[in-house]
Amino acid sequence: MKLELPIPTTVSRATKTLEDRGFSAYVVGGCVRDLVLGRVPEDWDITTNATPEEIIALYPKTVYENSFGTVTVINEEETDLTLKTLEITPFRQEGKYSDKRHPDEVKFSQTIEEDLSRRDFTINALAYRISTGELIDLYSGIKDLKDKLIKTVGEASKRLNEDPLRIMRGIRLACSLDFAIETETTKQMTKLAPLIKDIAIERIQIEFNKIIMSPRPMLGLELLKQYGLLEHLAPELLEGVGIEQNGEHIYDVWQHTLRALQHAADKEFGLEVRLSALCHDIGKPRTRRFDTIKQDYTFYGHEVVGAKMAKQLLTRLKYPTKTIETVTKLVRNHMFFSDTGKVTLSAVRRIIANVGRELIWELINVRMADRIGMGRPKEDPYRLRKYEAMIDEALRAPTSVGMLALDGTDLMGKLTLKPGPKIGFILHALLEEVLEDPTKNTKDYLLTKAKELMLLSDSELKKLGESGKEKKDEVEEGELAKIKAKHRVK
């Protein structure tokens, strides 16, 4: 099949280098799939009949540190990050996978046909020769792309049994591309799901992250549950299935969690917020009680229990320490406040102290995902703006003498002033000048001005100090008015 695909110059130059020396060269796999779908590839893979040693000899800068024959070619002059490195791998033959992780041995071959026969899914078993525009499609991958279908190359049980991580990879492709999974492939995925226990946790975490970061993580989690993978990966999440909640919620804990996660994806929030949305109510099943007086369920302390469970889950999946700490904080504090009419500014400041200034807006994002997950059509616009205004106000440094380039200690040390109200009057008088003209906020200028103020009588100095306080209050009121106007709240 002839096809014209948009290939970056860096990639075509790399394959031409191989072909000029008499080798075959193709771009292969996911990058070809993405090009056919009109998507921009996230990385580029090239396959060839050259050996690793022959590949290394053709390019000025390479890295070769694996047992699969893959040579990484580094293009330092390239500005596009996806093209900075290209992976070039010799054609490989199919081998046994005794440990369900890696082939027992890697054998190189001389034909693209042998190489494609070992690939996981038909839509990934596509090779494209740039110089001729020839697309090689031995397993009807183009048809499956048109039909939006995930299907294994060859016998599904054999292909998945070789490397059970392919089950997760198939799910990831389904929720990334919005494809369905073919019936026999689905059947074998479900049958072989227990083999996921044989896979290294680090590899599982990578695929799990890709599912979470896909456009449809809700579908991904549903499939992980449906195929029996979740009970091996994150059984804590399954505790929420069928757990009814109180009147505000129209979904059980599991369905609510999925919708919170999906909202985080719809908003394109980062991994830590999405993991927090996934885990924010993980403690509810273990804390649910029925209140006979209210005739309703309660979940007191679920955020505390949930933070501990989230930490245990993410630790087991070997997430980085920073990720675990962040998600734990966000889960622990996600119930921070729900009634903006009753919450105080001091309470908001305590929340900021608990999670840190750098995470407070992430906490708001988790809260938004939580509320949308309740089945509400959208976050209450006024309530959200009120949250944001209060946080802005709490984060803003108050207008005070603390803004000055000097303090009372400087005045006592440089001007031999004794402790007392006179120091406060001088500082507030200096503050008034700085509020009028911020360029005056230097230690040298303020010390010179303070020497002048020292010559005034106590009554004159007190009057200037009180004027400074009034100016401070006026500026403070103006700044808070700006914050409220920005968020359109009262």
Foldseek 3Di string as FASTA:
>chain_A
DFDDFDDDPLVLVLQVLQVVVPKHKWWFFPCVLQRVVVHHDQATEMEIQDFLVRSVVRADDWDDDDQQRWIWGADVVDPDPRSRIYIYHYQWADAAQPLLEDGPHTDGDRDLVRSLLLDFWQLRSWIARNVRRDIDRPQCNVVCSVQLETGTRPQLLVNCSRHVCVLLVSLLCCQQVVGYYDDNNLVNNLVCLVCCVSYDLQSVVVSLLSLLLGLQVLSSVVSCVVSVNCCVQPVLLVLQVPADFWDLFPDTPNQLLSQLSNVCNVVSHDSLLSLLSNQLQSQQSVQWDADPVVRGIDRPPSLVVSLVSQLVSCVVSPDDPVSNVLSSLLSNCLPQDDDLVPDDLVSLLVNCVSNPVVCPVSSLSSNQSSSVSRVDPGPPLQSSLSNVLSNVLSPDDALDLVVAPDALVCCCVVVVDDDDCLRLLLSLLVSQVCVVPVVCRDPVNSNVVSVVLVVDDPVVSNVSSVVSVVSSVVVRVVVSVVSCVVSVHD
